[in-house]
Amino acid sequence: MELTDIYTYTGAAIVLILSIFIKIPKLELNVWGWLGKAVGNALNKGVIERLDKTDEKIDKLQTDLDNHIKAEEVAKVDAARREILQFNDELLARRKHSKESFDQKLQLIDLYEDYCDKHENYSNNQALLSIENIKRVYKQRLKKGDFATPEDMDEEE
């Protein structure tokens, strides 16, 4: 190796070292950061790919869970509507109910109406008149104090 080669390599090494420690305005060379990132990406490529696949699976599971929760919520509201309609049918057939039965159905009505208010696309026409009638009969019975008693229930059996 000749003296000129040594000067050339030494000069290149000095330029490389200076470029690491000296920041030139508008030209920031962060060799260590770039080098570390490149090495890290190369070493962790398999792990990164597995994490990406895991993220995709988690996103799919979250979507499935959200859909299941929505379906369960709709089923619960549908069941509440069926109970409301059935209760109104019983009132129309002149069957007396206890205050506790009315209170329970009024809670279902609250749940049902709250859901309908929050979900405009949910069809709620089926129960509107039944709800109105249940509330009307409840007010009448409350005013008169003539809810069914345990003795009334025994007579029906």
N, C-alpha and C. Protein backbone atom coordinates (compact mmCIF):
# COMPACT_ATOMS: atom_id res chain seq x y z
N MET A 1 0.85 -1.16 0.00
CA MET A 1 0.00 0.00 0.00
C MET A 1 0.89 1.22 0.00
N GLU A 2 0.59 2.13 -0.88
CA GLU A 2 1.42 3.31 -1.02
C GLU A 2 0.91 4.42 -0.12
N LEU A 3 1.72 5.41 0.00
CA LEU A 3 1.42 6.55 0.86
C LEU A 3 0.20 7.32 0.36
N THR A 4 0.01 7.40 -0.94
CA THR A 4 -1.17 8.10 -1.47
C THR A 4 -2.45 7.35 -1.15
N ASP A 5 -2.38 6.04 -1.13
CA ASP A 5 -3.56 5.25 -0.77
C ASP A 5 -3.93 5.49 0.69
N ILE A 6 -2.92 5.57 1.54
CA ILE A 6 -3.17 5.81 2.97
C ILE A 6 -3.83 7.17 3.14
N TYR A 7 -3.31 8.19 2.42
CA TYR A 7 -3.90 9.52 2.50
C TYR A 7 -5.37 9.49 2.01
N THR A 8 -5.61 8.77 0.96
CA THR A 8 -6.96 8.70 0.40
C THR A 8 -7.92 8.06 1.41
N TYR A 9 -7.50 6.93 1.97
CA TYR A 9 -8.37 6.23 2.94
C TYR A 9 -8.53 7.04 4.23
N THR A 10 -7.45 7.67 4.64
CA THR A 10 -7.52 8.50 5.85
C THR A 10 -8.45 9.68 5.61
N GLY A 11 -8.34 10.29 4.46
CA GLY A 11 -9.21 11.42 4.12
C GLY A 11 -10.68 11.00 4.08
N ALA A 12 -10.94 9.86 3.50
CA ALA A 12 -12.32 9.36 3.44
C ALA A 12 -12.84 9.07 4.84
N ALA A 13 -11.99 8.51 5.68
CA ALA A 13 -12.40 8.21 7.06
C ALA A 13 -12.68 9.49 7.83
N ILE A 14 -11.84 10.51 7.61
CA ILE A 14 -12.05 11.79 8.29
C ILE A 14 -13.36 12.43 7.82
N VAL A 15 -13.63 12.40 6.54
CA VAL A 15 -14.87 12.96 6.01
C VAL A 15 -16.08 12.20 6.58
N LEU A 16 -15.97 10.89 6.66
CA LEU A 16 -17.06 10.08 7.22
C LEU A 16 -17.29 10.43 8.69
N ILE A 17 -16.21 10.52 9.45
CA ILE A 17 -16.33 10.85 10.87
C ILE A 17 -16.90 12.26 11.05
N LEU A 18 -16.42 13.20 10.29
CA LEU A 18 -16.92 14.58 10.39
C LEU A 18 -18.40 14.65 9.97
N SER A 19 -18.79 13.87 8.98
CA SER A 19 -20.19 13.90 8.55
C SER A 19 -21.12 13.36 9.63
N ILE A 20 -20.59 12.51 10.48
CA ILE A 20 -21.39 11.97 11.57
C ILE A 20 -21.60 13.03 12.65
N PHE A 21 -20.57 13.79 12.95
CA PHE A 21 -20.63 14.74 14.06
C PHE A 21 -20.98 16.17 13.67
N ILE A 22 -20.82 16.51 12.44
CA ILE A 22 -21.10 17.88 11.99
C ILE A 22 -22.43 17.88 11.23
N LYS A 23 -23.31 18.80 11.62
CA LYS A 23 -24.58 18.95 10.92
C LYS A 23 -24.49 20.14 9.98
N ILE A 24 -24.77 19.87 8.73
CA ILE A 24 -24.78 20.93 7.74
C ILE A 24 -26.22 21.41 7.65
N PRO A 25 -26.45 22.72 7.77
CA PRO A 25 -27.82 23.22 7.70
C PRO A 25 -28.52 22.75 6.43
N LYS A 26 -29.78 22.40 6.59
CA LYS A 26 -30.64 21.91 5.51
C LYS A 26 -30.16 20.57 4.94
N LEU A 27 -29.16 19.98 5.52
CA LEU A 27 -28.68 18.69 5.08
C LEU A 27 -28.22 17.95 6.32
N GLU A 28 -29.18 17.39 7.00
CA GLU A 28 -28.83 16.67 8.21
C GLU A 28 -28.57 15.21 7.87
N LEU A 29 -27.39 14.80 8.18
CA LEU A 29 -27.02 13.41 7.94
C LEU A 29 -27.01 12.69 9.29
N ASN A 30 -27.91 11.81 9.47
CA ASN A 30 -27.95 11.04 10.69
C ASN A 30 -27.64 9.61 10.30
N VAL A 31 -26.39 9.35 10.10
CA VAL A 31 -25.93 8.05 9.61
C VAL A 31 -26.23 6.96 10.63
N TRP A 32 -25.99 7.24 11.90
CA TRP A 32 -26.22 6.22 12.93
C TRP A 32 -27.71 5.85 13.02
N GLY A 33 -28.56 6.85 12.94
CA GLY A 33 -29.99 6.58 12.98
C GLY A 33 -30.43 5.75 11.79
N TRP A 34 -29.97 6.14 10.63
CA TRP A 34 -30.31 5.41 9.42
C TRP A 34 -29.77 3.98 9.47
N LEU A 35 -28.50 3.86 9.89
CA LEU A 35 -27.87 2.55 9.96
C LEU A 35 -28.58 1.66 10.99
N GLY A 36 -28.91 2.23 12.15
CA GLY A 36 -29.61 1.46 13.19
C GLY A 36 -30.98 0.99 12.72
N LYS A 37 -31.68 1.88 12.03
CA LYS A 37 -33.01 1.54 11.52
C LYS A 37 -32.91 0.43 10.47
N ALA A 38 -31.94 0.53 9.59
CA ALA A 38 -31.77 -0.48 8.54
C ALA A 38 -31.44 -1.84 9.15
N VAL A 39 -30.54 -1.84 10.12
CA VAL A 39 -30.16 -3.11 10.76
C VAL A 39 -31.35 -3.67 11.55
N GLY A 40 -32.05 -2.79 12.28
CA GLY A 40 -33.22 -3.23 13.06
C GLY A 40 -34.30 -3.82 12.18
N ASN A 41 -34.59 -3.17 11.08
CA ASN A 41 -35.60 -3.69 10.16
C ASN A 41 -35.19 -5.03 9.57
N ALA A 42 -33.91 -5.17 9.26
CA ALA A 42 -33.43 -6.42 8.69
C ALA A 42 -33.53 -7.55 9.72
N LEU A 43 -33.15 -7.27 10.96
CA LEU A 43 -33.19 -8.29 12.00
C LEU A 43 -34.62 -8.65 12.41
N ASN A 44 -35.52 -7.70 12.39
CA ASN A 44 -36.87 -7.90 12.90
C ASN A 44 -37.92 -8.10 11.81
N LYS A 45 -37.49 -8.36 10.58
CA LYS A 45 -38.43 -8.47 9.48
C LYS A 45 -39.51 -9.53 9.75
N GLY A 46 -39.11 -10.70 10.21
CA GLY A 46 -40.08 -11.76 10.50
C GLY A 46 -41.03 -11.38 11.61
N VAL A 47 -40.52 -10.73 12.64
CA VAL A 47 -41.36 -10.31 13.77
C VAL A 47 -42.35 -9.25 13.31
N ILE A 48 -41.90 -8.32 12.50
CA ILE A 48 -42.77 -7.26 11.99
C ILE A 48 -43.90 -7.86 11.14
N GLU A 49 -43.57 -8.83 10.30
CA GLU A 49 -44.59 -9.48 9.48
C GLU A 49 -45.61 -10.20 10.35
N ARG A 50 -45.13 -10.89 11.39
CA ARG A 50 -46.06 -11.59 12.29
C ARG A 50 -46.93 -10.60 13.05
N LEU A 51 -46.38 -9.47 13.46
CA LEU A 51 -47.16 -8.45 14.15
C LEU A 51 -48.24 -7.87 13.22
N ASP A 52 -47.87 -7.66 11.96
CA ASP A 52 -48.86 -7.16 11.00
C ASP A 52 -50.01 -8.15 10.83
N LYS A 53 -49.70 -9.44 10.74
CA LYS A 53 -50.75 -10.45 10.62
C LYS A 53 -51.60 -10.50 11.89
N THR A 54 -50.95 -10.36 13.04
CA THR A 54 -51.69 -10.35 14.31
C THR A 54 -52.61 -9.15 14.38
N ASP A 55 -52.14 -8.00 13.93
CA ASP A 55 -52.98 -6.79 13.90
C ASP A 55 -54.21 -7.00 13.02
N GLU A 56 -54.01 -7.64 11.87
CA GLU A 56 -55.13 -7.92 10.96
C GLU A 56 -56.15 -8.84 11.63
N LYS A 57 -55.66 -9.86 12.33
CA LYS A 57 -56.56 -10.79 13.02
C LYS A 57 -57.32 -10.08 14.14
N ILE A 58 -56.64 -9.22 14.86
CA ILE A 58 -57.29 -8.47 15.94
C ILE A 58 -58.36 -7.55 15.37
N ASP A 59 -58.07 -6.89 14.27
CA ASP A 59 -59.06 -6.01 13.63
C ASP A 59 -60.29 -6.82 13.20
N LYS A 60 -60.07 -8.01 12.64
CA LYS A 60 -61.19 -8.85 12.22
C LYS A 60 -62.00 -9.30 13.43
N LEU A 61 -61.32 -9.70 14.49
CA LEU A 61 -62.02 -10.11 15.71
C LEU A 61 -62.84 -8.96 16.29
N GLN A 62 -62.27 -7.75 16.27
CA GLN A 62 -62.99 -6.59 16.79
C GLN A 62 -64.24 -6.31 15.97
N THR A 63 -64.12 -6.43 14.65
CA THR A 63 -65.28 -6.24 13.77
C THR A 63 -66.35 -7.30 14.06
N ASP A 64 -65.90 -8.55 14.20
CA ASP A 64 -66.85 -9.63 14.50
C ASP A 64 -67.53 -9.40 15.85
N LEU A 65 -66.77 -8.97 16.83
CA LEU A 65 -67.33 -8.69 18.16
C LEU A 65 -68.34 -7.55 18.10
N ASP A 66 -68.00 -6.48 17.39
CA ASP A 66 -68.92 -5.35 17.25
C ASP A 66 -70.22 -5.79 16.58
N ASN A 67 -70.11 -6.61 15.53
CA ASN A 67 -71.31 -7.11 14.84
C ASN A 67 -72.15 -7.99 15.76
N HIS A 68 -71.47 -8.81 16.55
CA HIS A 68 -72.19 -9.68 17.49
C HIS A 68 -72.91 -8.85 18.55
N ILE A 69 -72.26 -7.83 19.06
CA ILE A 69 -72.87 -6.97 20.08
C ILE A 69 -74.10 -6.28 19.50
N LYS A 70 -73.98 -5.77 18.28
CA LYS A 70 -75.13 -5.12 17.63
C LYS A 70 -76.28 -6.10 17.44
N ALA A 71 -75.97 -7.31 16.98
CA ALA A 71 -77.02 -8.31 16.77
C ALA A 71 -77.68 -8.68 18.10
N GLU A 72 -76.90 -8.81 19.13
CA GLU A 72 -77.43 -9.14 20.46
C GLU A 72 -78.32 -8.02 20.98
N GLU A 73 -77.91 -6.79 20.74
CA GLU A 73 -78.69 -5.63 21.17
C GLU A 73 -80.04 -5.58 20.43
N VAL A 74 -80.01 -5.84 19.13
CA VAL A 74 -81.25 -5.85 18.34
C VAL A 74 -82.17 -6.98 18.82
N ALA A 75 -81.59 -8.14 19.11
CA ALA A 75 -82.40 -9.26 19.60
C ALA A 75 -83.05 -8.92 20.94
N LYS A 76 -82.32 -8.22 21.79
CA LYS A 76 -82.86 -7.82 23.09
C LYS A 76 -84.02 -6.83 22.91
N VAL A 77 -83.86 -5.90 22.00
CA VAL A 77 -84.92 -4.92 21.74
C VAL A 77 -86.12 -5.58 21.07
N ASP A 78 -85.87 -6.52 20.17
CA ASP A 78 -86.97 -7.26 19.54
C ASP A 78 -87.77 -8.03 20.59
N ALA A 79 -87.07 -8.64 21.53
CA ALA A 79 -87.75 -9.39 22.61
C ALA A 79 -88.57 -8.43 23.47
N ALA A 80 -88.02 -7.26 23.75
CA ALA A 80 -88.76 -6.26 24.53
C ALA A 80 -90.03 -5.85 23.78
N ARG A 81 -89.91 -5.65 22.48
CA ARG A 81 -91.08 -5.27 21.69
C ARG A 81 -92.15 -6.37 21.73
N ARG A 82 -91.73 -7.63 21.61
CA ARG A 82 -92.69 -8.74 21.68
C ARG A 82 -93.41 -8.76 23.03
N GLU A 83 -92.66 -8.55 24.11
CA GLU A 83 -93.29 -8.52 25.44
C GLU A 83 -94.26 -7.35 25.57
N ILE A 84 -93.90 -6.22 25.02
CA ILE A 84 -94.77 -5.03 25.06
C ILE A 84 -96.07 -5.31 24.30
N LEU A 85 -95.94 -5.88 23.11
CA LEU A 85 -97.12 -6.19 22.30
C LEU A 85 -98.01 -7.23 22.98
N GLN A 86 -97.40 -8.24 23.56
CA GLN A 86 -98.16 -9.27 24.26
C GLN A 86 -98.88 -8.69 25.48
N PHE A 87 -98.19 -7.84 26.22
CA PHE A 87 -98.80 -7.22 27.40
C PHE A 87 -100.00 -6.37 26.99
N ASN A 88 -99.85 -5.63 25.91
CA ASN A 88 -100.97 -4.82 25.42
C ASN A 88 -102.13 -5.71 24.99
N ASP A 89 -101.84 -6.84 24.35
CA ASP A 89 -102.91 -7.78 23.98
C ASP A 89 -103.67 -8.25 25.22
N GLU A 90 -102.94 -8.53 26.28
CA GLU A 90 -103.58 -8.96 27.52
C GLU A 90 -104.45 -7.85 28.11
N LEU A 91 -103.98 -6.61 28.02
CA LEU A 91 -104.79 -5.49 28.50
C LEU A 91 -106.05 -5.34 27.67
N LEU A 92 -105.92 -5.49 26.37
CA LEU A 92 -107.10 -5.38 25.50
C LEU A 92 -108.10 -6.50 25.76
N ALA A 93 -107.62 -7.64 26.25
CA ALA A 93 -108.50 -8.74 26.60
C ALA A 93 -109.04 -8.58 28.03
N ARG A 94 -108.80 -7.43 28.60
CA ARG A 94 -109.32 -7.07 29.94
C ARG A 94 -108.68 -7.89 31.07
N ARG A 95 -107.52 -8.39 30.86
CA ARG A 95 -106.82 -9.10 31.92
C ARG A 95 -106.16 -8.07 32.83
N LYS A 96 -106.35 -8.23 34.13
CA LYS A 96 -105.76 -7.30 35.09
C LYS A 96 -104.33 -7.74 35.40
N HIS A 97 -103.48 -6.75 35.66
CA HIS A 97 -102.08 -7.01 36.00
C HIS A 97 -101.73 -6.25 37.27
N SER A 98 -100.72 -6.75 37.96
CA SER A 98 -100.25 -6.09 39.17
C SER A 98 -99.46 -4.84 38.80
N LYS A 99 -99.26 -3.99 39.80
CA LYS A 99 -98.46 -2.78 39.57
C LYS A 99 -97.03 -3.16 39.20
N GLU A 100 -96.53 -4.23 39.82
CA GLU A 100 -95.18 -4.68 39.52
C GLU A 100 -95.04 -5.10 38.05
N SER A 101 -96.07 -5.74 37.52
CA SER A 101 -96.05 -6.14 36.10
C SER A 101 -96.01 -4.91 35.20
N PHE A 102 -96.83 -3.92 35.56
CA PHE A 102 -96.81 -2.67 34.79
C PHE A 102 -95.43 -2.02 34.87
N ASP A 103 -94.88 -1.96 36.09
CA ASP A 103 -93.56 -1.32 36.26
C ASP A 103 -92.49 -2.02 35.43
N GLN A 104 -92.55 -3.34 35.40
CA GLN A 104 -91.59 -4.10 34.60
C GLN A 104 -91.75 -3.77 33.11
N LYS A 105 -92.98 -3.72 32.65
CA LYS A 105 -93.21 -3.42 31.23
C LYS A 105 -92.83 -1.98 30.90
N LEU A 106 -93.02 -1.08 31.85
CA LEU A 106 -92.62 0.31 31.61
C LEU A 106 -91.10 0.41 31.50
N GLN A 107 -90.37 -0.42 32.23
CA GLN A 107 -88.91 -0.45 32.08
C GLN A 107 -88.53 -0.95 30.69
N LEU A 108 -89.23 -1.97 30.22
CA LEU A 108 -88.99 -2.46 28.86
C LEU A 108 -89.31 -1.38 27.83
N ILE A 109 -90.38 -0.64 28.07
CA ILE A 109 -90.75 0.45 27.16
C ILE A 109 -89.65 1.50 27.13
N ASP A 110 -89.10 1.84 28.29
CA ASP A 110 -87.98 2.80 28.34
C ASP A 110 -86.80 2.31 27.52
N LEU A 111 -86.44 1.04 27.71
CA LEU A 111 -85.33 0.45 26.96
C LEU A 111 -85.62 0.50 25.46
N TYR A 112 -86.83 0.13 25.10
CA TYR A 112 -87.23 0.09 23.69
C TYR A 112 -87.21 1.49 23.07
N GLU A 113 -87.81 2.45 23.75
CA GLU A 113 -87.87 3.82 23.21
C GLU A 113 -86.48 4.44 23.13
N ASP A 114 -85.65 4.17 24.12
CA ASP A 114 -84.28 4.69 24.09
C ASP A 114 -83.52 4.15 22.89
N TYR A 115 -83.67 2.85 22.64
CA TYR A 115 -83.01 2.24 21.49
C TYR A 115 -83.52 2.86 20.18
N CYS A 116 -84.84 3.02 20.10
CA CYS A 116 -85.44 3.59 18.87
C CYS A 116 -84.97 5.02 18.64
N ASP A 117 -84.82 5.79 19.72
CA ASP A 117 -84.33 7.16 19.58
C ASP A 117 -82.91 7.21 19.05
N LYS A 118 -82.09 6.26 19.48
CA LYS A 118 -80.68 6.24 19.09
C LYS A 118 -80.44 5.57 17.74
N HIS A 119 -81.41 4.80 17.28
CA HIS A 119 -81.25 4.06 16.02
C HIS A 119 -82.44 4.36 15.11
N GLU A 120 -82.28 5.40 14.33
CA GLU A 120 -83.37 5.87 13.47
C GLU A 120 -83.81 4.84 12.44
N ASN A 121 -82.91 3.96 12.05
CA ASN A 121 -83.25 2.96 11.02
C ASN A 121 -84.04 1.78 11.57
N TYR A 122 -84.15 1.69 12.89
CA TYR A 122 -84.88 0.58 13.49
C TYR A 122 -86.39 0.84 13.38
N SER A 123 -87.11 -0.12 12.86
CA SER A 123 -88.55 0.04 12.65
C SER A 123 -89.28 -0.11 13.99
N ASN A 124 -89.95 0.96 14.41
CA ASN A 124 -90.63 0.91 15.70
C ASN A 124 -92.12 1.21 15.60
N ASN A 125 -92.67 1.21 14.41
CA ASN A 125 -94.09 1.51 14.24
C ASN A 125 -94.99 0.47 14.90
N GLN A 126 -94.52 -0.74 15.00
CA GLN A 126 -95.34 -1.83 15.50
C GLN A 126 -95.78 -1.63 16.94
N ALA A 127 -94.99 -0.96 17.73
CA ALA A 127 -95.28 -0.89 19.16
C ALA A 127 -95.78 0.47 19.62
N LEU A 128 -95.79 1.45 18.77
CA LEU A 128 -96.15 2.80 19.21
C LEU A 128 -97.53 2.87 19.85
N LEU A 129 -98.54 2.33 19.21
CA LEU A 129 -99.90 2.38 19.74
C LEU A 129 -100.04 1.50 20.98
N SER A 130 -99.35 0.38 20.99
CA SER A 130 -99.39 -0.49 22.18
C SER A 130 -98.78 0.21 23.38
N ILE A 131 -97.68 0.89 23.17
CA ILE A 131 -97.03 1.63 24.25
C ILE A 131 -97.96 2.72 24.77
N GLU A 132 -98.56 3.40 23.84
CA GLU A 132 -99.49 4.47 24.21
C GLU A 132 -100.63 3.91 25.06
N ASN A 133 -101.18 2.77 24.67
CA ASN A 133 -102.28 2.16 25.41
C ASN A 133 -101.83 1.68 26.80
N ILE A 134 -100.65 1.07 26.87
CA ILE A 134 -100.14 0.59 28.17
C ILE A 134 -99.99 1.75 29.14
N LYS A 135 -99.44 2.85 28.66
CA LYS A 135 -99.27 4.02 29.52
C LYS A 135 -100.62 4.59 29.95
N ARG A 136 -101.58 4.59 29.03
CA ARG A 136 -102.92 5.11 29.35
C ARG A 136 -103.58 4.25 30.43
N VAL A 137 -103.54 2.93 30.24
CA VAL A 137 -104.16 2.02 31.21
C VAL A 137 -103.44 2.12 32.55
N TYR A 138 -102.13 2.24 32.52
CA TYR A 138 -101.35 2.37 33.76
C TYR A 138 -101.79 3.61 34.53
N LYS A 139 -101.94 4.73 33.84
CA LYS A 139 -102.37 5.97 34.51
C LYS A 139 -103.77 5.79 35.10
N GLN A 140 -104.66 5.14 34.37
CA GLN A 140 -106.02 4.90 34.88
C GLN A 140 -105.99 4.03 36.14
N ARG A 141 -105.24 2.93 36.06
CA ARG A 141 -105.17 2.02 37.21
C ARG A 141 -104.49 2.70 38.39
N LEU A 142 -103.50 3.51 38.12
CA LEU A 142 -102.80 4.23 39.19
C LEU A 142 -103.76 5.20 39.86
N LYS A 143 -104.55 5.88 39.06
CA LYS A 143 -105.52 6.85 39.57
C LYS A 143 -106.61 6.16 40.41
N LYS A 144 -107.10 5.03 39.91
CA LYS A 144 -108.17 4.30 40.60
C LYS A 144 -107.63 3.36 41.69
N GLY A 145 -106.36 3.00 41.59
CA GLY A 145 -105.77 2.05 42.54
C GLY A 145 -106.33 0.65 42.38
N ASP A 146 -106.63 0.26 41.16
CA ASP A 146 -107.24 -1.06 40.96
C ASP A 146 -106.34 -2.01 40.14
N PHE A 147 -105.09 -2.10 40.57
CA PHE A 147 -104.19 -3.08 39.97
C PHE A 147 -104.59 -4.47 40.47
N ALA A 148 -104.18 -5.49 39.77
CA ALA A 148 -104.47 -6.86 40.20
C ALA A 148 -103.75 -7.14 41.51
N THR A 149 -104.38 -7.90 42.36
CA THR A 149 -103.79 -8.30 43.64
C THR A 149 -103.50 -9.79 43.58
N PRO A 150 -102.78 -10.32 44.56
CA PRO A 150 -102.53 -11.76 44.55
C PRO A 150 -103.83 -12.58 44.56
N GLU A 151 -104.86 -12.06 45.21
CA GLU A 151 -106.14 -12.78 45.20
C GLU A 151 -106.71 -12.85 43.79
N ASP A 152 -106.56 -11.76 43.01
CA ASP A 152 -107.04 -11.76 41.62
C ASP A 152 -106.30 -12.81 40.79
N MET A 153 -105.04 -12.96 41.08
CA MET A 153 -104.23 -13.93 40.34
C MET A 153 -104.69 -15.35 40.64
N ASP A 154 -105.07 -15.60 41.90
CA ASP A 154 -105.56 -16.93 42.28
C ASP A 154 -106.87 -17.26 41.57
N GLU A 155 -107.72 -16.26 41.39
CA GLU A 155 -109.01 -16.46 40.73
C GLU A 155 -108.84 -16.84 39.27
N GLU A 156 -107.80 -16.32 38.62
CA GLU A 156 -107.59 -16.60 37.20
C GLU A 156 -107.18 -18.03 36.98
N GLU A 157 -106.52 -18.62 37.95
CA GLU A 157 -106.04 -20.00 37.78
C GLU A 157 -107.12 -20.94 37.93
